[in-house]
């Protein structure tokens, strides 16, 4: 479902000039937003449910490992 949403969003916005025209650039922008959200979640969990901080932390580590390849 997420890929359907993303594809529809890209299709609807492709001529707006807001999104990068190159697919690899768009992927980079999306990865930054995902990383930003995961970092926010780390802060949230530390303040609210410290025992759950491993979940967003694992997400950040996965993102960083993926980019290291």
Foldseek 3Di string as FASTA:
>chain_A
DVVVVVVVVCVVCVPVPPADVDPVRNVVVVLVVLLVVLVVVLVVCVVPPVVPSVVSVVVNVVSVVVVVD
